[in-house]
Amino acid sequence: MTDYSKSLLDSLSLKIKEYPRFSLREIEKFCWMAAHEHKHGVLPSEYDIREIDENLYLQLLDKFKTTS
């Protein structure tokens, strides 16, 4: 499992909070969007099924769940 730097996780966490219609109730969706954008350089389209970095997704999710 890849451990990402605190600065990357902090940066992506701030970006997540700036997404339109951000909601902690849908944090899984927003963490997935950030992991997708980080890997592919763009936000996912409605039916985008490209793979994401699951380790990054889980670390972002954990960051929100431990700080909320």
Protein backbone atom coordinates (compact mmCIF):
# COMPACT_ATOMS: atom_id res chain seq x y z
CA MET A 1 0.00 0.00 0.00
CA THR A 2 1.35 3.38 -1.01
CA ASP A 3 1.44 6.02 1.67
CA TYR A 4 0.86 9.48 0.27
CA SER A 5 2.43 12.60 1.71
CA LYS A 6 0.50 14.61 4.25
CA SER A 7 0.79 17.66 1.98
CA LEU A 8 -0.84 15.81 -0.95
CA LEU A 9 -3.67 14.52 1.25
CA ASP A 10 -4.18 17.99 2.76
CA SER A 11 -4.20 19.59 -0.69
CA LEU A 12 -6.70 17.10 -2.09
CA SER A 13 -8.86 17.44 1.04
CA LEU A 14 -9.11 21.19 0.51
CA LYS A 15 -9.92 20.63 -3.16
CA ILE A 16 -12.69 18.18 -2.21
CA LYS A 17 -14.31 20.77 0.06
CA GLU A 18 -14.40 23.18 -2.89
CA TYR A 19 -16.23 20.80 -5.24
CA PRO A 20 -19.71 22.02 -6.21
CA ARG A 21 -22.43 20.64 -3.91
CA PHE A 22 -19.84 19.20 -1.48
CA SER A 23 -21.48 17.22 1.32
CA LEU A 24 -20.02 15.09 4.10
CA ARG A 25 -23.01 12.79 3.67
CA GLU A 26 -21.60 11.87 0.24
CA ILE A 27 -17.92 11.90 1.20
CA GLU A 28 -17.27 8.56 -0.54
CA LYS A 29 -18.34 10.08 -3.86
CA PHE A 30 -16.21 13.20 -3.39
CA CYS A 31 -13.10 11.25 -2.35
CA TRP A 32 -13.58 9.04 -5.41
CA MET A 33 -13.85 12.14 -7.61
CA ALA A 34 -10.61 13.55 -6.17
CA ALA A 35 -8.75 10.27 -6.63
CA HIS A 36 -10.00 10.13 -10.22
CA GLU A 37 -8.98 13.71 -10.93
CA HIS A 38 -5.55 13.14 -9.39
CA LYS A 39 -4.89 10.04 -11.54
CA HIS A 40 -6.46 11.14 -14.84
CA GLY A 41 -6.15 14.93 -14.65
CA VAL A 42 -9.89 15.55 -15.07
CA LEU A 43 -13.02 15.07 -13.03
CA PRO A 44 -14.99 11.97 -13.97
CA SER A 45 -17.85 12.19 -16.42
CA GLU A 46 -21.24 10.82 -15.46
CA TYR A 47 -20.52 7.24 -16.58
CA ASP A 48 -16.73 7.21 -16.23
CA ILE A 49 -15.49 3.77 -15.25
CA ARG A 50 -11.74 4.35 -15.44
CA GLU A 51 -9.79 2.95 -12.52
CA ILE A 52 -8.65 5.12 -9.65
CA ASP A 53 -5.85 4.69 -7.14
CA GLU A 54 -7.76 2.83 -4.44
CA ASN A 55 -5.06 3.47 -1.83
CA LEU A 56 -5.34 7.22 -2.36
CA TYR A 57 -9.14 6.99 -2.20
CA LEU A 58 -9.02 5.08 1.09
CA GLN A 59 -6.50 7.46 2.64
CA LEU A 60 -8.63 10.47 1.68
CA LEU A 61 -11.73 8.80 3.06
CA ASP A 62 -9.91 7.96 6.29
CA LYS A 63 -8.72 11.56 6.59
CA PHE A 64 -12.29 12.85 6.45
CA LYS A 65 -13.69 10.17 8.73
CA THR A 66 -11.08 10.78 11.43
CA THR A 67 -11.45 14.56 11.35
CA SER A 68 -15.25 14.67 11.27
